[in-house]
Amino acid sequence: MPLHTLVPPAAEPVSLDEARAWLRLGHDGDDTALIPAIAGARAAFEARTGRALVARTVRESFAAARTAGAGPRLLTPSLQPVTALAAVTLTGPAGAASPAPAGLVTIEDGRLRLSRAVEGLTVDYVAGAATSTAAVPPADRVAVLEELAALMARREAGVTAPAPPGQAEPRL
């Protein structure tokens, strides 16, 4: 099952005013295009890095979560850091879901620690440490703004898909 957002981020990592300033747009810029472009730039950054910039609750399934030998195993979720667990369920062979036993999954170093091998594990978790735009690290904000500039340059050039890996992106 792909990653599913249950509760979206409360804010984007960059504000509309910050994006306008970075792109050198006036205050009467095309907000109807810019607002979803900011979300798209954030999503592209997060997909590339696997890091959630602003906290949100997501659901992720792990079909066969195995442990090495008898010891625990760290699962690497699609988005990190994991800051809280919301729910942990197990789906049996017949498709019936039930709550997982307490302690089956815990958080360790922003990842999920599994105490034993299981099948059909689904975890609802909060990913992302920042709870507001201001709490996002400056370097990550700049990276999102650069992604936004590339996205808007492709839009202006009439290009609908990102450049293939290794090719330069058009810049403003």
Protein backbone atom coordinates (compact mmCIF):
# COMPACT_ATOMS: atom_id res chain seq x y z
CA MET A 1 0.00 0.00 0.00
CA PRO A 2 1.45 3.37 -0.87
CA LEU A 3 1.93 6.05 1.73
CA HIS A 4 -1.43 7.65 2.52
CA THR A 5 -1.76 11.06 4.18
CA LEU A 6 -4.35 11.02 6.97
CA VAL A 7 -3.75 14.55 8.29
CA PRO A 8 -1.92 16.93 5.93
CA PRO A 9 0.73 19.40 7.08
CA ALA A 10 -0.78 22.41 8.86
CA ALA A 11 1.43 24.73 6.77
CA GLU A 12 3.86 24.64 3.89
CA PRO A 13 7.59 25.06 4.60
CA VAL A 14 7.61 28.40 2.77
CA SER A 15 4.98 31.11 2.84
CA LEU A 16 3.28 32.64 -0.17
CA ASP A 17 5.07 35.96 0.48
CA GLU A 18 8.42 34.19 0.78
CA ALA A 19 7.79 32.37 -2.52
CA ARG A 20 6.77 35.61 -4.26
CA ALA A 21 9.95 37.32 -3.05
CA TRP A 22 12.18 34.39 -4.12
CA LEU A 23 10.59 34.33 -7.58
CA ARG A 24 10.63 38.15 -7.78
CA LEU A 25 6.88 38.33 -8.26
CA GLY A 26 4.79 41.27 -7.17
CA HIS A 27 2.01 40.92 -4.63
CA ASP A 28 -0.52 40.61 -7.45
CA GLY A 29 1.21 37.50 -8.80
CA ASP A 30 -0.63 34.41 -9.96
CA ASP A 31 -1.49 32.94 -6.55
CA THR A 32 -3.79 30.31 -8.09
CA ALA A 33 -0.73 28.75 -9.74
CA LEU A 34 1.75 29.56 -6.98
CA ILE A 35 -0.10 27.97 -4.04
CA PRO A 36 -0.22 24.44 -5.53
CA ALA A 37 3.31 24.92 -6.91
CA ILE A 38 4.60 25.47 -3.35
CA ALA A 39 2.95 22.21 -2.28
CA GLY A 40 4.39 20.47 -5.34
CA ALA A 41 7.89 21.77 -4.61
CA ARG A 42 7.61 20.54 -1.02
CA ALA A 43 6.37 17.14 -2.18
CA ALA A 44 9.24 16.85 -4.70
CA PHE A 45 11.78 17.71 -1.99
CA GLU A 46 10.26 15.19 0.41
CA ALA A 47 10.10 12.45 -2.23
CA ARG A 48 13.75 13.03 -3.12
CA THR A 49 15.01 13.13 0.47
CA GLY A 50 12.51 10.94 2.35
CA ARG A 51 12.23 13.70 4.98
CA ALA A 52 8.97 15.32 5.99
CA LEU A 53 9.50 19.04 6.50
CA VAL A 54 6.29 19.85 8.36
CA ALA A 55 4.55 17.31 10.61
CA ARG A 56 1.63 15.33 9.22
CA THR A 57 -0.01 11.99 10.02
CA VAL A 58 0.41 9.23 7.45
CA ARG A 59 -0.44 5.55 7.08
CA GLU A 60 2.08 3.09 5.73
CA SER A 61 1.86 -0.67 5.31
CA PHE A 62 4.72 -3.13 5.51
CA ALA A 63 3.62 -6.45 3.95
CA ALA A 64 6.27 -8.65 5.54
CA ALA A 65 8.21 -6.95 8.31
CA ARG A 66 10.96 -9.37 9.19
CA THR A 67 13.58 -9.25 11.88
CA ALA A 68 17.15 -10.50 11.56
CA GLY A 69 17.36 -13.54 13.80
CA ALA A 70 15.56 -13.18 17.10
CA GLY A 71 16.39 -9.50 17.66
CA PRO A 72 14.51 -6.31 16.85
CA ARG A 73 14.68 -4.60 13.48
CA LEU A 74 14.55 -0.96 12.40
CA LEU A 75 12.05 -0.27 9.63
CA THR A 76 12.74 2.73 7.43
CA PRO A 77 9.42 4.45 6.74
CA SER A 78 8.87 6.44 3.56
CA LEU A 79 8.86 9.72 5.49
CA GLN A 80 11.15 10.57 8.39
CA PRO A 81 11.63 11.53 11.09
CA VAL A 82 8.87 9.62 12.83
CA THR A 83 7.92 11.64 15.89
CA ALA A 84 4.83 9.82 17.18
CA LEU A 85 2.80 6.65 16.66
CA ALA A 86 -0.93 7.10 16.10
CA ALA A 87 -2.00 3.48 15.53
CA VAL A 88 -0.46 0.09 14.78
CA THR A 89 -2.55 -2.70 13.26
CA LEU A 90 -1.96 -6.20 11.96
CA THR A 91 -3.92 -7.67 9.08
CA GLY A 92 -4.32 -11.42 9.20
CA PRO A 93 -4.41 -13.83 6.25
CA ALA A 94 -8.21 -13.53 6.02
CA GLY A 95 -7.94 -9.73 5.75
CA ALA A 96 -9.21 -8.90 9.24
CA ALA A 97 -7.34 -6.02 10.91
CA SER A 98 -6.73 -5.90 14.64
CA PRO A 99 -4.72 -3.66 16.95
CA ALA A 100 -1.11 -4.78 17.34
CA PRO A 101 0.17 -5.77 20.77
CA ALA A 102 1.65 -2.94 22.81
CA GLY A 103 5.38 -2.56 22.24
CA LEU A 104 5.42 -4.29 18.85
CA VAL A 105 6.47 -1.02 17.19
CA THR A 106 8.35 1.79 18.90
CA ILE A 107 10.26 4.84 17.67
CA GLU A 108 14.05 4.82 17.60
CA ASP A 109 16.15 7.56 15.97
CA GLY A 110 13.18 8.76 13.90
CA ARG A 111 12.51 5.30 12.51
CA LEU A 112 10.26 2.40 13.50
CA ARG A 113 11.66 -0.36 15.71
CA LEU A 114 9.93 -3.71 15.33
CA SER A 115 10.24 -6.13 18.24
CA ARG A 116 9.49 -9.28 16.23
CA ALA A 117 8.70 -10.46 12.70
CA VAL A 118 5.11 -9.91 11.58
CA GLU A 119 2.98 -10.06 8.44
CA GLY A 120 0.49 -7.38 7.40
CA LEU A 121 1.77 -4.49 9.52
CA THR A 122 0.14 -1.08 9.08
CA VAL A 123 1.41 1.94 11.02
CA ASP A 124 -0.21 5.36 11.34
CA TYR A 125 2.51 7.78 12.39
CA VAL A 126 3.41 11.45 12.59
CA ALA A 127 6.36 12.31 10.35
CA GLY A 128 8.20 15.62 10.43
CA ALA A 129 9.62 17.57 13.31
CA ALA A 130 8.53 21.10 12.37
CA THR A 131 5.02 22.19 13.29
CA SER A 132 5.14 25.56 11.50
CA THR A 133 6.80 27.31 8.57
CA ALA A 134 9.15 29.16 10.91
CA ALA A 135 10.41 25.90 12.44
CA VAL A 136 11.64 24.46 9.11
CA PRO A 137 15.46 24.70 8.89
CA PRO A 138 16.62 27.54 6.58
CA ALA A 139 18.60 25.23 4.28
CA ASP A 140 15.48 23.11 3.69
CA ARG A 141 13.40 26.21 3.02
CA VAL A 142 15.92 27.35 0.40
CA ALA A 143 15.90 23.89 -1.20
CA VAL A 144 12.10 24.05 -1.51
CA LEU A 145 12.32 27.57 -2.97
CA GLU A 146 14.87 26.36 -5.53
CA GLU A 147 12.59 23.45 -6.42
CA LEU A 148 9.75 25.95 -6.76
CA ALA A 149 11.81 28.17 -9.08
CA ALA A 150 12.62 25.17 -11.29
CA LEU A 151 8.97 24.13 -11.35
CA MET A 152 7.81 27.62 -12.29
CA ALA A 153 10.54 27.88 -14.99
CA ARG A 154 9.29 24.62 -16.51
CA ARG A 155 5.76 26.01 -16.41
CA GLU A 156 6.82 29.21 -18.18
CA ALA A 157 8.76 27.20 -20.77
CA GLY A 158 5.72 24.99 -21.41
CA VAL A 159 7.46 21.88 -20.07
CA THR A 160 5.11 19.65 -18.10
CA ALA A 161 7.56 17.01 -16.85
CA PRO A 162 10.76 17.42 -14.83
CA ALA A 163 14.10 17.14 -16.60
CA PRO A 164 15.58 13.63 -16.72
CA PRO A 165 18.21 12.87 -14.07
CA GLY A 166 21.54 14.45 -14.95
CA GLN A 167 20.06 17.19 -17.15
CA ALA A 168 20.01 20.79 -16.03
CA GLU A 169 16.68 22.25 -15.00
CA PRO A 170 15.63 25.53 -16.63
CA ARG A 171 16.18 28.39 -14.17
CA LEU A 172 14.52 31.79 -13.83
